[in-house]
Amino acid sequence: MPSISRRQFFALTTGACFYATGPLRAGSARVAVNDNGIAIDGYDTTAYWTKGIPRFGQSGHSVNWSGSDWHFTSAEDANTFAANPHAFAPQFGGFCTRALSFKKIVNGDPEVWRIHQGKLYLFARPVGGEKFDESQDTMIRKAQAYWDTLS
């Protein structure tokens, strides 16, 4: 039997899994993780600010925060995150901002991102970022309204 990734599963079911299992629970369920339980597919969330590009982290530079392991490219980046995770963690736990604005739960792709008003947003596909560019505040407001219903 072939296996599929979590991202592929969510893309195929377009959120049906969420509706079948009920609301998100506190802790790691509020963070987009890969099949190994690593937040945002193991990308270094500080790199968006410090390097201006997404960078894949290493398990040797890890911080456990919000019930999930976050990987970083260096000990310095891990320490920076640990000192102020809210400043660097993606909004909505790394789930796709556009999907949330449509009341769907889909992991964001760390390669598709935007920083808006000092906050990091991830999107499942490039079109999500493009639509975000057209109306950031409206999409954020809709995503936040739905996010606030999840507990």
N, C-alpha and C. Protein backbone atom coordinates (compact mmCIF):
# COMPACT_ATOMS: atom_id res chain seq x y z
N MET A 1 0.85 -1.18 0.00
CA MET A 1 0.00 0.00 0.00
C MET A 1 0.90 1.25 0.00
N PRO A 2 0.71 2.15 -0.95
CA PRO A 2 1.56 3.35 -0.99
C PRO A 2 1.23 4.29 0.16
N SER A 3 2.25 5.00 0.61
CA SER A 3 2.03 5.98 1.67
C SER A 3 2.03 7.37 1.08
N ILE A 4 1.35 8.28 1.74
CA ILE A 4 1.32 9.67 1.31
C ILE A 4 1.69 10.54 2.50
N SER A 5 2.21 11.71 2.19
CA SER A 5 2.60 12.62 3.26
C SER A 5 1.37 13.27 3.86
N ARG A 6 1.56 13.89 5.00
CA ARG A 6 0.48 14.61 5.66
C ARG A 6 -0.06 15.71 4.76
N ARG A 7 0.86 16.44 4.09
CA ARG A 7 0.45 17.52 3.19
C ARG A 7 -0.39 16.97 2.04
N GLN A 8 0.03 15.82 1.45
CA GLN A 8 -0.74 15.22 0.37
C GLN A 8 -2.11 14.78 0.87
N PHE A 9 -2.15 14.21 2.07
CA PHE A 9 -3.42 13.77 2.63
C PHE A 9 -4.40 14.94 2.77
N PHE A 10 -3.89 16.06 3.36
CA PHE A 10 -4.75 17.22 3.53
C PHE A 10 -5.18 17.81 2.19
N ALA A 11 -4.28 17.78 1.21
CA ALA A 11 -4.64 18.30 -0.11
C ALA A 11 -5.73 17.45 -0.74
N LEU A 12 -5.62 16.13 -0.57
CA LEU A 12 -6.61 15.23 -1.15
C LEU A 12 -7.97 15.32 -0.46
N THR A 13 -7.95 15.49 0.83
CA THR A 13 -9.20 15.50 1.58
C THR A 13 -9.77 16.90 1.76
N THR A 14 -9.00 17.92 1.38
CA THR A 14 -9.39 19.33 1.51
C THR A 14 -10.09 19.64 2.82
N GLY A 15 -9.47 19.14 3.87
CA GLY A 15 -9.98 19.49 5.19
C GLY A 15 -11.00 18.52 5.76
N ALA A 16 -11.37 17.48 5.01
CA ALA A 16 -12.39 16.56 5.51
C ALA A 16 -11.97 15.90 6.80
N CYS A 17 -10.68 15.66 6.96
CA CYS A 17 -10.18 15.06 8.19
C CYS A 17 -10.51 15.93 9.38
N PHE A 18 -10.38 17.22 9.25
CA PHE A 18 -10.70 18.12 10.34
C PHE A 18 -12.16 17.99 10.74
N TYR A 19 -13.04 17.97 9.77
CA TYR A 19 -14.46 17.92 10.07
C TYR A 19 -14.85 16.59 10.71
N ALA A 20 -14.11 15.53 10.37
CA ALA A 20 -14.42 14.23 10.95
C ALA A 20 -13.93 14.10 12.38
N THR A 21 -12.87 14.83 12.73
CA THR A 21 -12.29 14.63 14.05
C THR A 21 -12.62 15.73 15.04
N GLY A 22 -13.21 16.81 14.60
CA GLY A 22 -13.59 17.87 15.52
C GLY A 22 -12.54 18.95 15.62
N PRO A 23 -12.69 19.86 16.57
CA PRO A 23 -11.80 21.00 16.68
C PRO A 23 -10.38 20.61 17.06
N LEU A 24 -9.46 21.50 16.75
CA LEU A 24 -8.07 21.29 17.14
C LEU A 24 -7.95 21.29 18.65
N ARG A 25 -6.97 20.61 19.14
CA ARG A 25 -6.70 20.59 20.57
C ARG A 25 -5.45 21.43 20.85
N ALA A 26 -5.30 21.85 22.08
CA ALA A 26 -4.15 22.67 22.47
C ALA A 26 -2.86 21.86 22.31
N GLY A 27 -1.77 22.57 22.28
CA GLY A 27 -0.47 21.91 22.15
C GLY A 27 -0.09 21.74 20.70
N SER A 28 0.48 20.58 20.38
CA SER A 28 1.03 20.37 19.05
C SER A 28 -0.02 20.45 17.95
N ALA A 29 -1.28 20.19 18.26
CA ALA A 29 -2.33 20.27 17.24
C ALA A 29 -2.49 21.69 16.73
N ARG A 30 -2.03 22.67 17.47
CA ARG A 30 -2.11 24.07 17.04
C ARG A 30 -0.90 24.49 16.23
N VAL A 31 -0.04 23.52 15.89
CA VAL A 31 1.15 23.79 15.09
C VAL A 31 1.17 22.80 13.93
N ALA A 32 1.44 23.32 12.74
CA ALA A 32 1.54 22.45 11.56
C ALA A 32 2.84 21.65 11.66
N VAL A 33 2.71 20.34 11.73
CA VAL A 33 3.88 19.46 11.83
C VAL A 33 3.90 18.47 10.68
N ASN A 34 5.10 17.94 10.40
CA ASN A 34 5.20 16.91 9.37
C ASN A 34 4.97 15.54 10.00
N ASP A 35 5.19 14.50 9.22
CA ASP A 35 4.94 13.14 9.70
C ASP A 35 5.81 12.76 10.90
N ASN A 36 6.92 13.46 11.08
CA ASN A 36 7.82 13.19 12.21
C ASN A 36 7.55 14.10 13.40
N GLY A 37 6.50 14.90 13.33
CA GLY A 37 6.14 15.79 14.43
C GLY A 37 6.98 17.05 14.51
N ILE A 38 7.69 17.37 13.43
CA ILE A 38 8.55 18.56 13.41
C ILE A 38 7.74 19.74 12.85
N ALA A 39 7.78 20.86 13.55
CA ALA A 39 7.04 22.05 13.13
C ALA A 39 7.54 22.56 11.78
N ILE A 40 6.61 23.05 11.02
CA ILE A 40 6.79 23.64 9.69
C ILE A 40 7.84 22.90 8.86
N ASP A 41 7.71 21.59 8.80
CA ASP A 41 8.56 20.72 7.98
C ASP A 41 10.04 20.84 8.28
N GLY A 42 10.39 21.32 9.47
CA GLY A 42 11.79 21.39 9.86
C GLY A 42 12.51 22.64 9.40
N TYR A 43 11.78 23.63 8.91
CA TYR A 43 12.41 24.87 8.48
C TYR A 43 12.72 25.77 9.67
N ASP A 44 13.78 26.53 9.54
CA ASP A 44 14.23 27.48 10.56
C ASP A 44 13.38 28.75 10.43
N THR A 45 12.48 28.97 11.37
CA THR A 45 11.57 30.10 11.27
C THR A 45 12.25 31.45 11.50
N THR A 46 13.43 31.46 12.10
CA THR A 46 14.14 32.74 12.25
C THR A 46 14.79 33.18 10.94
N ALA A 47 15.05 32.24 10.04
CA ALA A 47 15.75 32.55 8.79
C ALA A 47 14.97 33.51 7.89
N TYR A 48 13.67 33.51 8.00
CA TYR A 48 12.87 34.43 7.17
C TYR A 48 13.28 35.88 7.45
N TRP A 49 13.59 36.16 8.71
CA TRP A 49 14.00 37.52 9.09
C TRP A 49 15.51 37.72 8.94
N THR A 50 16.30 36.77 9.42
CA THR A 50 17.74 36.98 9.47
C THR A 50 18.42 36.77 8.12
N LYS A 51 17.86 35.89 7.29
CA LYS A 51 18.49 35.59 6.00
C LYS A 51 17.61 35.99 4.82
N GLY A 52 16.33 36.26 5.08
CA GLY A 52 15.41 36.67 4.02
C GLY A 52 14.98 35.55 3.10
N ILE A 53 15.27 34.31 3.50
CA ILE A 53 14.88 33.14 2.70
C ILE A 53 14.55 31.99 3.65
N PRO A 54 13.76 31.03 3.19
CA PRO A 54 13.54 29.85 4.02
C PRO A 54 14.78 28.97 4.02
N ARG A 55 15.12 28.44 5.19
CA ARG A 55 16.28 27.56 5.34
C ARG A 55 15.85 26.36 6.15
N PHE A 56 16.28 25.20 5.72
CA PHE A 56 15.97 23.97 6.43
C PHE A 56 16.85 23.86 7.65
N GLY A 57 16.25 23.57 8.80
CA GLY A 57 16.99 23.44 10.05
C GLY A 57 17.57 22.05 10.25
N GLN A 58 18.23 21.86 11.36
CA GLN A 58 18.87 20.59 11.70
C GLN A 58 18.35 20.11 13.06
N SER A 59 18.22 18.81 13.19
CA SER A 59 17.71 18.26 14.45
C SER A 59 18.64 18.57 15.62
N GLY A 60 19.92 18.79 15.36
CA GLY A 60 20.86 19.11 16.42
C GLY A 60 20.66 20.50 17.01
N HIS A 61 19.89 21.32 16.33
CA HIS A 61 19.57 22.67 16.81
C HIS A 61 18.05 22.75 16.90
N SER A 62 17.53 22.25 17.99
CA SER A 62 16.08 22.09 18.15
C SER A 62 15.59 22.77 19.42
N VAL A 63 14.38 23.28 19.34
CA VAL A 63 13.70 23.87 20.50
C VAL A 63 12.31 23.27 20.55
N ASN A 64 11.90 22.81 21.73
CA ASN A 64 10.52 22.35 21.88
C ASN A 64 9.69 23.53 22.37
N TRP A 65 8.70 23.89 21.58
CA TRP A 65 7.82 25.01 21.93
C TRP A 65 6.42 24.70 21.44
N SER A 66 5.46 25.03 22.22
CA SER A 66 4.04 24.83 21.90
C SER A 66 3.76 23.37 21.55
N GLY A 67 4.45 22.47 22.24
CA GLY A 67 4.20 21.04 22.07
C GLY A 67 4.84 20.42 20.85
N SER A 68 5.70 21.15 20.14
CA SER A 68 6.33 20.63 18.93
C SER A 68 7.82 20.98 18.92
N ASP A 69 8.58 20.18 18.18
CA ASP A 69 9.99 20.46 17.98
C ASP A 69 10.16 21.36 16.77
N TRP A 70 10.96 22.40 16.93
CA TRP A 70 11.28 23.36 15.88
C TRP A 70 12.77 23.23 15.60
N HIS A 71 13.15 23.13 14.34
CA HIS A 71 14.55 22.97 13.98
C HIS A 71 15.13 24.29 13.46
N PHE A 72 16.44 24.45 13.66
CA PHE A 72 17.13 25.69 13.28
C PHE A 72 18.46 25.37 12.62
N THR A 73 18.97 26.32 11.86
CA THR A 73 20.22 26.10 11.14
C THR A 73 21.43 26.21 12.06
N SER A 74 21.27 26.84 13.20
CA SER A 74 22.40 27.02 14.12
C SER A 74 21.90 27.11 15.56
N ALA A 75 22.82 26.95 16.48
CA ALA A 75 22.48 27.12 17.90
C ALA A 75 22.05 28.56 18.16
N GLU A 76 22.70 29.50 17.47
CA GLU A 76 22.34 30.91 17.63
C GLU A 76 20.88 31.16 17.23
N ASP A 77 20.45 30.58 16.09
CA ASP A 77 19.05 30.74 15.67
C ASP A 77 18.09 30.08 16.66
N ALA A 78 18.47 28.91 17.16
CA ALA A 78 17.63 28.22 18.15
C ALA A 78 17.49 29.07 19.41
N ASN A 79 18.58 29.68 19.86
CA ASN A 79 18.54 30.53 21.05
C ASN A 79 17.72 31.79 20.81
N THR A 80 17.83 32.35 19.61
CA THR A 80 17.04 33.54 19.26
C THR A 80 15.56 33.22 19.34
N PHE A 81 15.17 32.08 18.78
CA PHE A 81 13.77 31.66 18.81
C PHE A 81 13.32 31.39 20.24
N ALA A 82 14.13 30.65 20.99
CA ALA A 82 13.77 30.29 22.36
C ALA A 82 13.56 31.52 23.24
N ALA A 83 14.30 32.59 22.97
CA ALA A 83 14.18 33.82 23.77
C ALA A 83 12.88 34.56 23.50
N ASN A 84 12.30 34.38 22.31
CA ASN A 84 11.07 35.10 21.96
C ASN A 84 10.34 34.39 20.82
N PRO A 85 9.80 33.20 21.07
CA PRO A 85 9.18 32.42 19.99
C PRO A 85 8.01 33.13 19.31
N HIS A 86 7.26 33.92 20.04
CA HIS A 86 6.12 34.61 19.43
C HIS A 86 6.55 35.60 18.36
N ALA A 87 7.77 36.10 18.44
CA ALA A 87 8.26 37.04 17.44
C ALA A 87 8.62 36.34 16.13
N PHE A 88 8.91 35.03 16.18
CA PHE A 88 9.40 34.33 14.99
C PHE A 88 8.47 33.24 14.48
N ALA A 89 7.62 32.67 15.33
CA ALA A 89 6.74 31.59 14.90
C ALA A 89 5.74 32.11 13.87
N PRO A 90 5.44 31.31 12.86
CA PRO A 90 4.46 31.75 11.88
C PRO A 90 3.08 31.88 12.51
N GLN A 91 2.31 32.77 11.97
CA GLN A 91 0.95 32.96 12.45
C GLN A 91 0.14 31.69 12.16
N PHE A 92 -0.86 31.47 12.94
CA PHE A 92 -1.76 30.33 12.79
C PHE A 92 -1.01 29.00 12.84
N GLY A 93 0.07 28.96 13.62
CA GLY A 93 0.81 27.72 13.83
C GLY A 93 1.48 27.16 12.59
N GLY A 94 1.58 27.95 11.53
CA GLY A 94 2.18 27.48 10.29
C GLY A 94 1.19 26.83 9.35
N PHE A 95 -0.09 26.86 9.72
CA PHE A 95 -1.11 26.38 8.78
C PHE A 95 -1.32 27.44 7.71
N CYS A 96 -1.85 27.03 6.58
CA CYS A 96 -2.04 27.93 5.44
C CYS A 96 -3.05 29.02 5.78
N THR A 97 -2.61 30.26 5.68
CA THR A 97 -3.46 31.41 5.99
C THR A 97 -4.66 31.47 5.05
N ARG A 98 -4.43 31.24 3.78
CA ARG A 98 -5.54 31.30 2.81
C ARG A 98 -6.56 30.20 3.08
N ALA A 99 -6.11 28.98 3.33
CA ALA A 99 -7.04 27.88 3.62
C ALA A 99 -7.86 28.20 4.86
N LEU A 100 -7.23 28.74 5.89
CA LEU A 100 -7.97 29.11 7.10
C LEU A 100 -9.03 30.16 6.79
N SER A 101 -8.74 31.07 5.86
CA SER A 101 -9.73 32.09 5.51
C SER A 101 -10.94 31.48 4.83
N PHE A 102 -10.80 30.24 4.32
CA PHE A 102 -11.91 29.47 3.75
C PHE A 102 -12.42 28.40 4.71
N LYS A 103 -11.99 28.51 5.97
CA LYS A 103 -12.40 27.57 7.02
C LYS A 103 -11.92 26.14 6.75
N LYS A 104 -10.69 26.03 6.28
CA LYS A 104 -10.07 24.73 6.04
C LYS A 104 -8.73 24.70 6.76
N ILE A 105 -8.31 23.51 7.16
CA ILE A 105 -7.05 23.30 7.86
C ILE A 105 -6.10 22.59 6.90
N VAL A 106 -5.04 23.28 6.49
CA VAL A 106 -4.05 22.73 5.58
C VAL A 106 -2.68 23.22 6.05
N ASN A 107 -1.71 22.33 6.12
CA ASN A 107 -0.36 22.76 6.48
C ASN A 107 0.16 23.75 5.46
N GLY A 108 0.84 24.78 5.96
CA GLY A 108 1.50 25.71 5.06
C GLY A 108 2.78 25.10 4.51
N ASP A 109 3.19 25.56 3.35
CA ASP A 109 4.45 25.16 2.75
C ASP A 109 5.48 26.22 3.13
N PRO A 110 6.53 25.86 3.86
CA PRO A 110 7.50 26.87 4.30
C PRO A 110 8.20 27.60 3.16
N GLU A 111 8.10 27.08 1.95
CA GLU A 111 8.68 27.75 0.79
C GLU A 111 7.75 28.83 0.22
N VAL A 112 6.51 28.89 0.71
CA VAL A 112 5.54 29.88 0.24
C VAL A 112 5.16 30.73 1.44
N TRP A 113 5.70 31.93 1.51
CA TRP A 113 5.61 32.73 2.74
C TRP A 113 5.56 34.21 2.41
N ARG A 114 5.07 34.95 3.39
CA ARG A 114 5.08 36.41 3.34
C ARG A 114 5.29 36.92 4.77
N ILE A 115 5.97 38.05 4.88
CA ILE A 115 6.01 38.77 6.14
C ILE A 115 5.19 40.03 5.93
N HIS A 116 4.22 40.21 6.80
CA HIS A 116 3.32 41.38 6.73
C HIS A 116 3.21 41.97 8.12
N GLN A 117 3.51 43.23 8.25
CA GLN A 117 3.46 43.94 9.52
C GLN A 117 4.19 43.17 10.63
N GLY A 118 5.37 42.68 10.28
CA GLY A 118 6.23 42.02 11.27
C GLY A 118 5.80 40.62 11.67
N LYS A 119 4.92 40.02 10.90
CA LYS A 119 4.46 38.66 11.22
C LYS A 119 4.62 37.77 9.99
N LEU A 120 4.96 36.51 10.25
CA LEU A 120 5.19 35.52 9.20
C LEU A 120 3.91 34.74 8.92
N TYR A 121 3.58 34.61 7.64
CA TYR A 121 2.42 33.85 7.20
C TYR A 121 2.88 32.82 6.18
N LEU A 122 2.37 31.59 6.30
CA LEU A 122 2.68 30.52 5.35
C LEU A 122 1.43 30.18 4.55
N PHE A 123 1.68 29.64 3.35
CA PHE A 123 0.59 29.28 2.44
C PHE A 123 0.87 27.90 1.86
N ALA A 124 -0.17 27.16 1.54
CA ALA A 124 -0.01 25.81 1.01
C ALA A 124 0.51 25.82 -0.42
N ARG A 125 0.16 26.86 -1.18
CA ARG A 125 0.53 26.94 -2.59
C ARG A 125 0.86 28.38 -2.96
N PRO A 126 1.60 28.56 -4.04
CA PRO A 126 1.94 29.93 -4.45
C PRO A 126 0.72 30.83 -4.66
N VAL A 127 -0.38 30.29 -5.12
CA VAL A 127 -1.57 31.13 -5.33
C VAL A 127 -2.04 31.74 -4.02
N GLY A 128 -1.82 31.06 -2.90
CA GLY A 128 -2.20 31.61 -1.60
C GLY A 128 -1.44 32.89 -1.30
N GLY A 129 -0.15 32.88 -1.57
CA GLY A 129 0.66 34.08 -1.37
C GLY A 129 0.25 35.19 -2.33
N GLU A 130 -0.07 34.82 -3.56
CA GLU A 130 -0.49 35.82 -4.55
C GLU A 130 -1.80 36.47 -4.14
N LYS A 131 -2.74 35.67 -3.68
CA LYS A 131 -4.03 36.22 -3.23
C LYS A 131 -3.84 37.07 -1.97
N PHE A 132 -2.92 36.65 -1.11
CA PHE A 132 -2.61 37.41 0.09
C PHE A 132 -2.09 38.80 -0.29
N ASP A 133 -1.25 38.87 -1.30
CA ASP A 133 -0.69 40.15 -1.75
C ASP A 133 -1.79 41.12 -2.20
N GLU A 134 -2.91 40.59 -2.66
CA GLU A 134 -4.00 41.42 -3.14
C GLU A 134 -4.82 42.03 -2.00
N SER A 135 -4.89 41.32 -0.87
CA SER A 135 -5.76 41.78 0.21
C SER A 135 -5.35 41.14 1.55
N GLN A 136 -4.17 41.55 2.03
CA GLN A 136 -3.62 40.93 3.24
C GLN A 136 -4.56 41.02 4.43
N ASP A 137 -5.01 42.21 4.75
CA ASP A 137 -5.79 42.40 5.98
C ASP A 137 -7.11 41.65 5.95
N THR A 138 -7.75 41.58 4.79
CA THR A 138 -9.01 40.85 4.68
C THR A 138 -8.78 39.36 4.91
N MET A 139 -7.74 38.81 4.26
CA MET A 139 -7.46 37.38 4.42
C MET A 139 -7.08 37.07 5.86
N ILE A 140 -6.26 37.91 6.47
CA ILE A 140 -5.86 37.69 7.87
C ILE A 140 -7.09 37.74 8.77
N ARG A 141 -7.96 38.70 8.57
CA ARG A 141 -9.15 38.83 9.40
C ARG A 141 -10.03 37.57 9.31
N LYS A 142 -10.23 37.07 8.10
CA LYS A 142 -11.05 35.85 7.92
C LYS A 142 -10.37 34.64 8.54
N ALA A 143 -9.06 34.51 8.31
CA ALA A 143 -8.32 33.38 8.89
C ALA A 143 -8.35 33.45 10.41
N GLN A 144 -8.16 34.64 10.97
CA GLN A 144 -8.17 34.82 12.43
C GLN A 144 -9.53 34.48 13.01
N ALA A 145 -10.60 34.90 12.34
CA ALA A 145 -11.95 34.61 12.82
C ALA A 145 -12.17 33.10 12.91
N TYR A 146 -11.71 32.36 11.90
CA TYR A 146 -11.87 30.92 11.93
C TYR A 146 -10.93 30.29 12.97
N TRP A 147 -9.69 30.74 13.02
CA TRP A 147 -8.71 30.24 13.97
C TRP A 147 -9.22 30.36 15.40
N ASP A 148 -9.87 31.47 15.68
CA ASP A 148 -10.39 31.72 17.04
C ASP A 148 -11.50 30.75 17.43
N THR A 149 -12.13 30.09 16.45
CA THR A 149 -13.19 29.11 16.76
C THR A 149 -12.59 27.75 17.08
N LEU A 150 -11.32 27.55 16.77
CA LEU A 150 -10.67 26.25 16.98
C LEU A 150 -10.06 26.24 18.37
N SER A 151 -10.34 25.21 19.12
CA SER A 151 -9.77 25.14 20.48
C SER A 151 -9.38 23.73 20.82
